Amino acid sequence: MSGKKVHAHSHSSHAAGGRLCMPEAARKVVARRLAIANGHLESILHALEKHDAYCVDVLRQIKAVEGALKKAGQITLEGHLRAHVATAAERGDTETIVDELMDALRYR
């Protein structure tokens, strides 16, 4: 995560009704990463509208998008592990949290 650790605190990872939420710090970092990915994606689409788009330039931009998305996923996973998986036993929902995470990871 670009040298920064995103630490979650239990008080900031719950919304009204006790629903688990993405930790604030991770949410902000992921939103920034996704905005960067979106900018690269828009740049690719703009380049492809031109008849002189160069394949290697397009590939570089695609790799930038993939990298930004991968990093956003890593940050999201780390935030989830720290805020929710590590504290699941205290809440008594370990099986639910693990099942939910395994289900999400199947789509990678």
PDB file of N, CA and C in Angstrom:
ATOM      1  N   MET A   1       0.825  -1.182   0.000  1.00  0.00           N
ATOM      2  CA  MET A   1       0.000   0.000   0.000  1.00  0.00           C
ATOM      3  C   MET A   1       0.867   1.242   0.000  1.00  0.00           C
ATOM      4  N   SER A   2       1.664   1.394  -0.953  1.00  0.00           N
ATOM      5  CA  SER A   2       2.532   2.552  -1.112  1.00  0.00           C
ATOM      6  C   SER A   2       3.162   3.004   0.205  1.00  0.00           C
ATOM      7  N   GLY A   3       3.614   2.038   1.017  1.00  0.00           N
ATOM      8  CA  GLY A   3       4.289   2.357   2.244  1.00  0.00           C
ATOM      9  C   GLY A   3       3.390   2.714   3.418  1.00  0.00           C
ATOM     10  N   LYS A   4       2.127   2.916   3.192  1.00  0.00           N
ATOM     11  CA  LYS A   4       1.198   3.291   4.259  1.00  0.00           C
ATOM     12  C   LYS A   4       0.445   2.058   4.725  1.00  0.00           C
ATOM     13  N   LYS A   5       0.306   1.938   6.009  1.00  0.00           N
ATOM     14  CA  LYS A   5      -0.507   0.870   6.567  1.00  0.00           C
ATOM     15  C   LYS A   5      -1.872   1.437   6.909  1.00  0.00           C
ATOM     16  N   VAL A   6      -2.895   0.705   6.528  1.00  0.00           N
ATOM     17  CA  VAL A   6      -4.248   1.127   6.860  1.00  0.00           C
ATOM     18  C   VAL A   6      -4.689   0.288   8.047  1.00  0.00           C
ATOM     19  N   HIS A   7      -4.816   0.936   9.174  1.00  0.00           N
ATOM     20  CA  HIS A   7      -5.254   0.229  10.371  1.00  0.00           C
ATOM     21  C   HIS A   7      -6.710   0.561  10.641  1.00  0.00           C
ATOM     22  N   ALA A   8      -7.435  -0.471  10.974  1.00  0.00           N
ATOM     23  CA  ALA A   8      -8.865  -0.296  11.235  1.00  0.00           C
ATOM     24  C   ALA A   8      -9.104  -0.372  12.730  1.00  0.00           C
ATOM     25  N   HIS A   9     -10.000   0.408  13.178  1.00  0.00           N
ATOM     26  CA  HIS A   9     -10.402   0.370  14.574  1.00  0.00           C
ATOM     27  C   HIS A   9     -11.860  -0.047  14.617  1.00  0.00           C
ATOM     28  N   SER A  10     -12.197  -0.897  15.575  1.00  0.00           N
ATOM     29  CA  SER A  10     -13.550  -1.453  15.613  1.00  0.00           C
ATOM     30  C   SER A  10     -14.627  -0.380  15.701  1.00  0.00           C
ATOM     31  N   HIS A  11     -14.349   0.733  16.377  1.00  0.00           N
ATOM     32  CA  HIS A  11     -15.377   1.759  16.504  1.00  0.00           C
ATOM     33  C   HIS A  11     -15.672   2.437  15.174  1.00  0.00           C
ATOM     34  N   SER A  12     -14.735   2.408  14.235  1.00  0.00           N
ATOM     35  CA  SER A  12     -14.960   3.077  12.956  1.00  0.00           C
ATOM     36  C   SER A  12     -15.423   2.120  11.868  1.00  0.00           C
ATOM     37  N   SER A  13     -15.608   0.856  12.191  1.00  0.00           N
ATOM     38  CA  SER A  13     -15.974  -0.103  11.166  1.00  0.00           C
ATOM     39  C   SER A  13     -17.407  -0.619  11.314  1.00  0.00           C
ATOM     40  N   HIS A  14     -18.204   0.069  12.108  1.00  0.00           N
ATOM     41  CA  HIS A  14     -19.602  -0.308  12.288  1.00  0.00           C
ATOM     42  C   HIS A  14     -20.498   0.878  11.970  1.00  0.00           C
ATOM     43  N   ALA A  15     -21.562   0.596  11.291  1.00  0.00           N
ATOM     44  CA  ALA A  15     -22.560   1.630  11.007  1.00  0.00           C
ATOM     45  C   ALA A  15     -23.755   1.386  11.919  1.00  0.00           C
ATOM     46  N   ALA A  16     -24.736   2.216  11.777  1.00  0.00           N
ATOM     47  CA  ALA A  16     -25.963   2.037  12.553  1.00  0.00           C
ATOM     48  C   ALA A  16     -26.524   0.642  12.299  1.00  0.00           C
ATOM     49  N   GLY A  17     -27.009   0.026  13.301  1.00  0.00           N
ATOM     50  CA  GLY A  17     -27.585  -1.303  13.159  1.00  0.00           C
ATOM     51  C   GLY A  17     -26.562  -2.412  13.309  1.00  0.00           C
ATOM     52  N   GLY A  18     -25.296  -2.067  13.600  1.00  0.00           N
ATOM     53  CA  GLY A  18     -24.279  -3.076  13.816  1.00  0.00           C
ATOM     54  C   GLY A  18     -23.707  -3.694  12.552  1.00  0.00           C
ATOM     55  N   ARG A  19     -24.073  -3.195  11.388  1.00  0.00           N
ATOM     56  CA  ARG A  19     -23.565  -3.736  10.124  1.00  0.00           C
ATOM     57  C   ARG A  19     -22.085  -3.407  10.000  1.00  0.00           C
ATOM     58  N   LEU A  20     -21.290  -4.386   9.587  1.00  0.00           N
ATOM     59  CA  LEU A  20     -19.863  -4.158   9.395  1.00  0.00           C
ATOM     60  C   LEU A  20     -19.657  -3.302   8.158  1.00  0.00           C
ATOM     61  N   CYS A  21     -18.788  -2.318   8.277  1.00  0.00           N
ATOM     62  CA  CYS A  21     -18.507  -1.407   7.176  1.00  0.00           C
ATOM     63  C   CYS A  21     -17.014  -1.349   6.925  1.00  0.00           C
ATOM     64  N   MET A  22     -16.676  -0.931   5.732  1.00  0.00           N
ATOM     65  CA  MET A  22     -15.273  -0.783   5.364  1.00  0.00           C
ATOM     66  C   MET A  22     -14.645   0.299   6.238  1.00  0.00           C
ATOM     67  N   PRO A  23     -13.475   0.026   6.805  1.00  0.00           N
ATOM     68  CA  PRO A  23     -12.810   1.031   7.635  1.00  0.00           C
ATOM     69  C   PRO A  23     -12.582   2.332   6.855  1.00  0.00           C
ATOM     70  N   GLU A  24     -12.749   3.448   7.515  1.00  0.00           N
ATOM     71  CA  GLU A  24     -12.672   4.766   6.881  1.00  0.00           C
ATOM     72  C   GLU A  24     -11.353   4.988   6.135  1.00  0.00           C
ATOM     73  N   ALA A  25     -10.245   4.667   6.772  1.00  0.00           N
ATOM     74  CA  ALA A  25      -8.939   4.899   6.137  1.00  0.00           C
ATOM     75  C   ALA A  25      -8.807   4.079   4.864  1.00  0.00           C
ATOM     76  N   ALA A  26      -9.186   2.825   4.917  1.00  0.00           N
ATOM     77  CA  ALA A  26      -9.105   1.961   3.735  1.00  0.00           C
ATOM     78  C   ALA A  26     -10.052   2.458   2.653  1.00  0.00           C
ATOM     79  N   ARG A  27     -11.236   2.876   3.045  1.00  0.00           N
ATOM     80  CA  ARG A  27     -12.227   3.359   2.074  1.00  0.00           C
ATOM     81  C   ARG A  27     -11.688   4.543   1.289  1.00  0.00           C
ATOM     82  N   LYS A  28     -11.041   5.465   1.974  1.00  0.00           N
ATOM     83  CA  LYS A  28     -10.503   6.648   1.306  1.00  0.00           C
ATOM     84  C   LYS A  28      -9.365   6.292   0.354  1.00  0.00           C
ATOM     85  N   VAL A  29      -8.471   5.417   0.790  1.00  0.00           N
ATOM     86  CA  VAL A  29      -7.344   5.016  -0.058  1.00  0.00           C
ATOM     87  C   VAL A  29      -7.849   4.261  -1.283  1.00  0.00           C
ATOM     88  N   VAL A  30      -8.792   3.353  -1.088  1.00  0.00           N
ATOM     89  CA  VAL A  30      -9.342   2.578  -2.203  1.00  0.00           C
ATOM     90  C   VAL A  30     -10.070   3.492  -3.182  1.00  0.00           C
ATOM     91  N   ALA A  31     -10.826   4.447  -2.670  1.00  0.00           N
ATOM     92  CA  ALA A  31     -11.525   5.385  -3.558  1.00  0.00           C
ATOM     93  C   ALA A  31     -10.531   6.161  -4.411  1.00  0.00           C
ATOM     94  N   ARG A  32      -9.417   6.571  -3.810  1.00  0.00           N
ATOM     95  CA  ARG A  32      -8.387   7.290  -4.568  1.00  0.00           C
ATOM     96  C   ARG A  32      -7.766   6.396  -5.635  1.00  0.00           C
ATOM     97  N   ARG A  33      -7.465   5.152  -5.281  1.00  0.00           N
ATOM     98  CA  ARG A  33      -6.893   4.192  -6.250  1.00  0.00           C
ATOM     99  C   ARG A  33      -7.864   3.950  -7.406  1.00  0.00           C
ATOM    100  N   LEU A  34      -9.135   3.807  -7.098  1.00  0.00           N
ATOM    101  CA  LEU A  34     -10.126   3.552  -8.150  1.00  0.00           C
ATOM    102  C   LEU A  34     -10.315   4.785  -9.037  1.00  0.00           C
ATOM    103  N   ALA A  35     -10.190   5.966  -8.468  1.00  0.00           N
ATOM    104  CA  ALA A  35     -10.260   7.182  -9.278  1.00  0.00           C
ATOM    105  C   ALA A  35      -9.086   7.239 -10.252  1.00  0.00           C
ATOM    106  N   ILE A  36      -7.914   6.821  -9.800  1.00  0.00           N
ATOM    107  CA  ILE A  36      -6.741   6.756 -10.667  1.00  0.00           C
ATOM    108  C   ILE A  36      -6.977   5.753 -11.787  1.00  0.00           C
ATOM    109  N   ALA A  37      -7.490   4.574 -11.438  1.00  0.00           N
ATOM    110  CA  ALA A  37      -7.786   3.549 -12.438  1.00  0.00           C
ATOM    111  C   ALA A  37      -8.793   4.071 -13.447  1.00  0.00           C
ATOM    112  N   ASN A  38      -9.800   4.774 -12.960  1.00  0.00           N
ATOM    113  CA  ASN A  38     -10.814   5.339 -13.839  1.00  0.00           C
ATOM    114  C   ASN A  38     -10.198   6.348 -14.808  1.00  0.00           C
ATOM    115  N   GLY A  39      -9.293   7.162 -14.321  1.00  0.00           N
ATOM    116  CA  GLY A  39      -8.609   8.126 -15.177  1.00  0.00           C
ATOM    117  C   GLY A  39      -7.811   7.441 -16.270  1.00  0.00           C
ATOM    118  N   HIS A  40      -7.099   6.371 -15.903  1.00  0.00           N
ATOM    119  CA  HIS A  40      -6.344   5.607 -16.905  1.00  0.00           C
ATOM    120  C   HIS A  40      -7.289   4.983 -17.926  1.00  0.00           C
ATOM    121  N   LEU A  41      -8.399   4.444 -17.450  1.00  0.00           N
ATOM    122  CA  LEU A  41      -9.371   3.812 -18.342  1.00  0.00           C
ATOM    123  C   LEU A  41      -9.951   4.826 -19.324  1.00  0.00           C
ATOM    124  N   GLU A  42     -10.291   5.998 -18.821  1.00  0.00           N
ATOM    125  CA  GLU A  42     -10.797   7.052 -19.711  1.00  0.00           C
ATOM    126  C   GLU A  42      -9.742   7.455 -20.733  1.00  0.00           C
ATOM    127  N   SER A  43      -8.482   7.482 -20.316  1.00  0.00           N
ATOM    128  CA  SER A  43      -7.381   7.808 -21.224  1.00  0.00           C
ATOM    129  C   SER A  43      -7.267   6.759 -22.333  1.00  0.00           C
ATOM    130  N   ILE A  44      -7.436   5.509 -21.971  1.00  0.00           N
ATOM    131  CA  ILE A  44      -7.389   4.423 -22.961  1.00  0.00           C
ATOM    132  C   ILE A  44      -8.519   4.594 -23.971  1.00  0.00           C
ATOM    133  N   LEU A  45      -9.711   4.812 -23.474  1.00  0.00           N
ATOM    134  CA  LEU A  45     -10.861   4.964 -24.365  1.00  0.00           C
ATOM    135  C   LEU A  45     -10.679   6.154 -25.302  1.00  0.00           C
ATOM    136  N   HIS A  46     -10.152   7.236 -24.775  1.00  0.00           N
ATOM    137  CA  HIS A  46      -9.902   8.429 -25.589  1.00  0.00           C
ATOM    138  C   HIS A  46      -8.861   8.122 -26.675  1.00  0.00           C
ATOM    139  N   ALA A  47      -7.797   7.420 -26.305  1.00  0.00           N
ATOM    140  CA  ALA A  47      -6.753   7.063 -27.268  1.00  0.00           C
ATOM    141  C   ALA A  47      -7.304   6.158 -28.365  1.00  0.00           C
ATOM    142  N   LEU A  48      -8.202   5.263 -28.000  1.00  0.00           N
ATOM    143  CA  LEU A  48      -8.745   4.318 -28.975  1.00  0.00           C
ATOM    144  C   LEU A  48      -9.712   4.976 -29.962  1.00  0.00           C
ATOM    145  N   GLU A  49     -10.188   6.158 -29.624  1.00  0.00           N
ATOM    146  CA  GLU A  49     -11.048   6.894 -30.555  1.00  0.00           C
ATOM    147  C   GLU A  49     -10.248   7.430 -31.729  1.00  0.00           C
ATOM    148  N   LYS A  50      -8.949   7.550 -31.557  1.00  0.00           N
ATOM    149  CA  LYS A  50      -8.067   8.058 -32.603  1.00  0.00           C
ATOM    150  C   LYS A  50      -7.582   6.891 -33.462  1.00  0.00           C
ATOM    151  N   HIS A  51      -7.357   7.169 -34.720  1.00  0.00           N
ATOM    152  CA  HIS A  51      -6.912   6.120 -35.646  1.00  0.00           C
ATOM    153  C   HIS A  51      -5.433   5.803 -35.493  1.00  0.00           C
ATOM    154  N   ASP A  52      -4.697   6.655 -34.782  1.00  0.00           N
ATOM    155  CA  ASP A  52      -3.263   6.432 -34.656  1.00  0.00           C
ATOM    156  C   ASP A  52      -2.859   5.895 -33.274  1.00  0.00           C
ATOM    157  N   ALA A  53      -3.805   5.277 -32.574  1.00  0.00           N
ATOM    158  CA  ALA A  53      -3.491   4.696 -31.264  1.00  0.00           C
ATOM    159  C   ALA A  53      -2.437   3.607 -31.439  1.00  0.00           C
ATOM    160  N   TYR A  54      -1.414   3.657 -30.607  1.00  0.00           N
ATOM    161  CA  TYR A  54      -0.320   2.686 -30.680  1.00  0.00           C
ATOM    162  C   TYR A  54      -0.563   1.574 -29.663  1.00  0.00           C
ATOM    163  N   CYS A  55      -0.473   0.342 -30.118  1.00  0.00           N
ATOM    164  CA  CYS A  55      -0.779  -0.833 -29.288  1.00  0.00           C
ATOM    165  C   CYS A  55      -0.016  -0.828 -27.963  1.00  0.00           C
ATOM    166  N   VAL A  56       1.269  -0.528 -28.005  1.00  0.00           N
ATOM    167  CA  VAL A  56       2.087  -0.577 -26.801  1.00  0.00           C
ATOM    168  C   VAL A  56       1.640   0.491 -25.800  1.00  0.00           C
ATOM    169  N   ASP A  57       1.271   1.667 -26.282  1.00  0.00           N
ATOM    170  CA  ASP A  57       0.760   2.708 -25.391  1.00  0.00           C
ATOM    171  C   ASP A  57      -0.531   2.255 -24.712  1.00  0.00           C
ATOM    172  N   VAL A  58      -1.399   1.617 -25.479  1.00  0.00           N
ATOM    173  CA  VAL A  58      -2.654   1.100 -24.930  1.00  0.00           C
ATOM    174  C   VAL A  58      -2.368   0.011 -23.897  1.00  0.00           C
ATOM    175  N   LEU A  59      -1.441  -0.880 -24.216  1.00  0.00           N
ATOM    176  CA  LEU A  59      -1.078  -1.942 -23.267  1.00  0.00           C
ATOM    177  C   LEU A  59      -0.526  -1.374 -21.967  1.00  0.00           C
ATOM    178  N   ARG A  60       0.292  -0.330 -22.053  1.00  0.00           N
ATOM    179  CA  ARG A  60       0.837   0.292 -20.839  1.00  0.00           C
ATOM    180  C   ARG A  60      -0.289   0.852 -19.969  1.00  0.00           C
ATOM    181  N   GLN A  61      -1.231   1.499 -20.600  1.00  0.00           N
ATOM    182  CA  GLN A  61      -2.354   2.066 -19.850  1.00  0.00           C
ATOM    183  C   GLN A  61      -3.214   0.957 -19.235  1.00  0.00           C
ATOM    184  N   ILE A  62      -3.410  -0.126 -19.976  1.00  0.00           N
ATOM    185  CA  ILE A  62      -4.173  -1.261 -19.434  1.00  0.00           C
ATOM    186  C   ILE A  62      -3.451  -1.836 -18.215  1.00  0.00           C
ATOM    187  N   LYS A  63      -2.134  -1.963 -18.292  1.00  0.00           N
ATOM    188  CA  LYS A  63      -1.365  -2.471 -17.150  1.00  0.00           C
ATOM    189  C   LYS A  63      -1.488  -1.523 -15.950  1.00  0.00           C
ATOM    190  N   ALA A  64      -1.529  -0.223 -16.210  1.00  0.00           N
ATOM    191  CA  ALA A  64      -1.696   0.745 -15.126  1.00  0.00           C
ATOM    192  C   ALA A  64      -3.048   0.560 -14.451  1.00  0.00           C
ATOM    193  N   VAL A  65      -4.091   0.339 -15.249  1.00  0.00           N
ATOM    194  CA  VAL A  65      -5.431   0.096 -14.691  1.00  0.00           C
ATOM    195  C   VAL A  65      -5.427  -1.187 -13.868  1.00  0.00           C
ATOM    196  N   GLU A  66      -4.845  -2.244 -14.426  1.00  0.00           N
ATOM    197  CA  GLU A  66      -4.788  -3.517 -13.699  1.00  0.00           C
ATOM    198  C   GLU A  66      -4.042  -3.362 -12.378  1.00  0.00           C
ATOM    199  N   GLY A  67      -2.933  -2.622 -12.397  1.00  0.00           N
ATOM    200  CA  GLY A  67      -2.158  -2.407 -11.176  1.00  0.00           C
ATOM    201  C   GLY A  67      -2.946  -1.637 -10.135  1.00  0.00           C
ATOM    202  N   ALA A  68      -3.645  -0.595 -10.575  1.00  0.00           N
ATOM    203  CA  ALA A  68      -4.445   0.206  -9.640  1.00  0.00           C
ATOM    204  C   ALA A  68      -5.575  -0.626  -9.050  1.00  0.00           C
ATOM    205  N   LEU A  69      -6.220  -1.448  -9.874  1.00  0.00           N
ATOM    206  CA  LEU A  69      -7.299  -2.304  -9.378  1.00  0.00           C
ATOM    207  C   LEU A  69      -6.773  -3.365  -8.420  1.00  0.00           C
ATOM    208  N   LYS A  70      -5.622  -3.943  -8.758  1.00  0.00           N
ATOM    209  CA  LYS A  70      -5.030  -4.962  -7.887  1.00  0.00           C
ATOM    210  C   LYS A  70      -4.697  -4.360  -6.521  1.00  0.00           C
ATOM    211  N   LYS A  71      -4.090  -3.179  -6.534  1.00  0.00           N
ATOM    212  CA  LYS A  71      -3.725  -2.526  -5.273  1.00  0.00           C
ATOM    213  C   LYS A  71      -4.973  -2.173  -4.464  1.00  0.00           C
ATOM    214  N   ALA A  72      -6.018  -1.708  -5.138  1.00  0.00           N
ATOM    215  CA  ALA A  72      -7.274  -1.402  -4.443  1.00  0.00           C
ATOM    216  C   ALA A  72      -7.838  -2.661  -3.787  1.00  0.00           C
ATOM    217  N   GLY A  73      -7.745  -3.782  -4.473  1.00  0.00           N
ATOM    218  CA  GLY A  73      -8.206  -5.045  -3.908  1.00  0.00           C
ATOM    219  C   GLY A  73      -7.381  -5.472  -2.706  1.00  0.00           C
ATOM    220  N   GLN A  74      -6.068  -5.289  -2.788  1.00  0.00           N
ATOM    221  CA  GLN A  74      -5.194  -5.644  -1.675  1.00  0.00           C
ATOM    222  C   GLN A  74      -5.495  -4.787  -0.442  1.00  0.00           C
ATOM    223  N   ILE A  75      -5.695  -3.507  -0.655  1.00  0.00           N
ATOM    224  CA  ILE A  75      -5.996  -2.598   0.452  1.00  0.00           C
ATOM    225  C   ILE A  75      -7.341  -2.960   1.084  1.00  0.00           C
ATOM    226  N   THR A  76      -8.318  -3.265   0.232  1.00  0.00           N
ATOM    227  CA  THR A  76      -9.642  -3.661   0.731  1.00  0.00           C
ATOM    228  C   THR A  76      -9.544  -4.938   1.548  1.00  0.00           C
ATOM    229  N   LEU A  77      -8.797  -5.902   1.033  1.00  0.00           N
ATOM    230  CA  LEU A  77      -8.626  -7.172   1.747  1.00  0.00           C
ATOM    231  C   LEU A  77      -7.928  -6.951   3.081  1.00  0.00           C
ATOM    232  N   GLU A  78      -6.859  -6.166   3.089  1.00  0.00           N
ATOM    233  CA  GLU A  78      -6.148  -5.903   4.337  1.00  0.00           C
ATOM    234  C   GLU A  78      -7.060  -5.233   5.364  1.00  0.00           C
ATOM    235  N   GLY A  79      -7.823  -4.254   4.922  1.00  0.00           N
ATOM    236  CA  GLY A  79      -8.748  -3.584   5.831  1.00  0.00           C
ATOM    237  C   GLY A  79      -9.767  -4.552   6.399  1.00  0.00           C
ATOM    238  N   HIS A  80     -10.264  -5.438   5.549  1.00  0.00           N
ATOM    239  CA  HIS A  80     -11.258  -6.425   6.002  1.00  0.00           C
ATOM    240  C   HIS A  80     -10.632  -7.396   7.011  1.00  0.00           C
ATOM    241  N   LEU A  81      -9.438  -7.866   6.703  1.00  0.00           N
ATOM    242  CA  LEU A  81      -8.767  -8.793   7.613  1.00  0.00           C
ATOM    243  C   LEU A  81      -8.523  -8.155   8.975  1.00  0.00           C
ATOM    244  N   ARG A  82      -8.039  -6.931   8.963  1.00  0.00           N
ATOM    245  CA  ARG A  82      -7.715  -6.248  10.228  1.00  0.00           C
ATOM    246  C   ARG A  82      -8.973  -5.864  11.017  1.00  0.00           C
ATOM    247  N   ALA A  83      -9.972  -5.366  10.322  1.00  0.00           N
ATOM    248  CA  ALA A  83     -11.152  -4.846  11.013  1.00  0.00           C
ATOM    249  C   ALA A  83     -12.188  -5.911  11.343  1.00  0.00           C
ATOM    250  N   HIS A  84     -12.319  -6.903  10.486  1.00  0.00           N
ATOM    251  CA  HIS A  84     -13.440  -7.825  10.642  1.00  0.00           C
ATOM    252  C   HIS A  84     -13.028  -9.267  10.924  1.00  0.00           C
ATOM    253  N   VAL A  85     -12.064  -9.784  10.165  1.00  0.00           N
ATOM    254  CA  VAL A  85     -11.662 -11.176  10.385  1.00  0.00           C
ATOM    255  C   VAL A  85     -10.950 -11.315  11.723  1.00  0.00           C
ATOM    256  N   ALA A  86     -10.035 -10.406  12.027  1.00  0.00           N
ATOM    257  CA  ALA A  86      -9.273 -10.488  13.280  1.00  0.00           C
ATOM    258  C   ALA A  86     -10.153 -10.334  14.514  1.00  0.00           C
ATOM    259  N   THR A  87     -11.308  -9.734  14.366  1.00  0.00           N
ATOM    260  CA  THR A  87     -12.198  -9.503  15.509  1.00  0.00           C
ATOM    261  C   THR A  87     -13.457 -10.372  15.471  1.00  0.00           C
ATOM    262  N   ALA A  88     -13.510 -11.291  14.525  1.00  0.00           N
ATOM    263  CA  ALA A  88     -14.715 -12.111  14.354  1.00  0.00           C
ATOM    264  C   ALA A  88     -15.020 -12.961  15.587  1.00  0.00           C
ATOM    265  N   ALA A  89     -14.008 -13.509  16.215  1.00  0.00           N
ATOM    266  CA  ALA A  89     -14.234 -14.356  17.393  1.00  0.00           C
ATOM    267  C   ALA A  89     -14.887 -13.561  18.523  1.00  0.00           C
ATOM    268  N   GLU A  90     -14.470 -12.305  18.684  1.00  0.00           N
ATOM    269  CA  GLU A  90     -15.055 -11.450  19.725  1.00  0.00           C
ATOM    270  C   GLU A  90     -16.547 -11.224  19.476  1.00  0.00           C
ATOM    271  N   ARG A  91     -16.920 -11.112  18.193  1.00  0.00           N
ATOM    272  CA  ARG A  91     -18.325 -10.878  17.845  1.00  0.00           C
ATOM    273  C   ARG A  91     -19.116 -12.176  17.749  1.00  0.00           C
ATOM    274  N   GLY A  92     -18.412 -13.292  17.607  1.00  0.00           N
ATOM    275  CA  GLY A  92     -19.080 -14.580  17.490  1.00  0.00           C
ATOM    276  C   GLY A  92     -19.573 -14.889  16.082  1.00  0.00           C
ATOM    277  N   ASP A  93     -18.977 -14.256  15.084  1.00  0.00           N
ATOM    278  CA  ASP A  93     -19.419 -14.506  13.711  1.00  0.00           C
ATOM    279  C   ASP A  93     -18.284 -14.995  12.808  1.00  0.00           C
ATOM    280  N   THR A  94     -17.336 -15.739  13.389  1.00  0.00           N
ATOM    281  CA  THR A  94     -16.169 -16.208  12.645  1.00  0.00           C
ATOM    282  C   THR A  94     -16.551 -16.988  11.401  1.00  0.00           C
ATOM    283  N   GLU A  95     -17.455 -17.945  11.535  1.00  0.00           N
ATOM    284  CA  GLU A  95     -17.827 -18.776  10.386  1.00  0.00           C
ATOM    285  C   GLU A  95     -18.452 -17.941   9.275  1.00  0.00           C
ATOM    286  N   THR A  96     -19.317 -17.040   9.630  1.00  0.00           N
ATOM    287  CA  THR A  96     -19.961 -16.170   8.638  1.00  0.00           C
ATOM    288  C   THR A  96     -18.932 -15.304   7.930  1.00  0.00           C
ATOM    289  N   ILE A  97     -18.016 -14.704   8.678  1.00  0.00           N
ATOM    290  CA  ILE A  97     -16.994 -13.823   8.111  1.00  0.00           C
ATOM    291  C   ILE A  97     -16.074 -14.607   7.175  1.00  0.00           C
ATOM    292  N   VAL A  98     -15.651 -15.786   7.593  1.00  0.00           N
ATOM    293  CA  VAL A  98     -14.760 -16.607   6.756  1.00  0.00           C
ATOM    294  C   VAL A  98     -15.487 -17.064   5.494  1.00  0.00           C
ATOM    295  N   ASP A  99     -16.715 -17.528   5.631  1.00  0.00           N
ATOM    296  CA  ASP A  99     -17.494 -17.969   4.462  1.00  0.00           C
ATOM    297  C   ASP A  99     -17.689 -16.826   3.470  1.00  0.00           C
ATOM    298  N   GLU A 100     -18.000 -15.659   3.989  1.00  0.00           N
ATOM    299  CA  GLU A 100     -18.211 -14.483   3.156  1.00  0.00           C
ATOM    300  C   GLU A 100     -16.937 -14.109   2.395  1.00  0.00           C
ATOM    301  N   LEU A 101     -15.806 -14.143   3.082  1.00  0.00           N
ATOM    302  CA  LEU A 101     -14.530 -13.812   2.448  1.00  0.00           C
ATOM    303  C   LEU A 101     -14.156 -14.859   1.403  1.00  0.00           C
ATOM    304  N   MET A 102     -14.324 -16.113   1.717  1.00  0.00           N
ATOM    305  CA  MET A 102     -14.009 -17.173   0.748  1.00  0.00           C
ATOM    306  C   MET A 102     -14.878 -17.047  -0.494  1.00  0.00           C
ATOM    307  N   ASP A 103     -16.129 -16.699  -0.311  1.00  0.00           N
ATOM    308  CA  ASP A 103     -17.031 -16.499  -1.440  1.00  0.00           C
ATOM    309  C   ASP A 103     -16.546 -15.339  -2.320  1.00  0.00           C
ATOM    310  N   ALA A 104     -16.133 -14.257  -1.687  1.00  0.00           N
ATOM    311  CA  ALA A 104     -15.646 -13.094  -2.433  1.00  0.00           C
ATOM    312  C   ALA A 104     -14.359 -13.417  -3.186  1.00  0.00           C
ATOM    313  N   LEU A 105     -13.479 -14.200  -2.587  1.00  0.00           N
ATOM    314  CA  LEU A 105     -12.203 -14.528  -3.215  1.00  0.00           C
ATOM    315  C   LEU A 105     -12.339 -15.509  -4.374  1.00  0.00           C
ATOM    316  N   ARG A 106     -13.433 -16.225  -4.461  1.00  0.00           N
ATOM    317  CA  ARG A 106     -13.657 -17.162  -5.572  1.00  0.00           C
ATOM    318  C   ARG A 106     -13.739 -16.445  -6.919  1.00  0.00           C
ATOM    319  N   TYR A 107     -14.080 -15.162  -6.914  1.00  0.00           N
ATOM    320  CA  TYR A 107     -14.276 -14.416  -8.154  1.00  0.00           C
ATOM    321  C   TYR A 107     -13.004 -13.752  -8.644  1.00  0.00           C
ATOM    322  N   ARG A 108     -11.887 -14.019  -8.022  1.00  0.00           N
ATOM    323  CA  ARG A 108     -10.620 -13.420  -8.443  1.00  0.00           C
ATOM    324  C   ARG A 108     -10.005 -14.200  -9.559  1.00  0.00           C
TER     325      ARG A 108
END
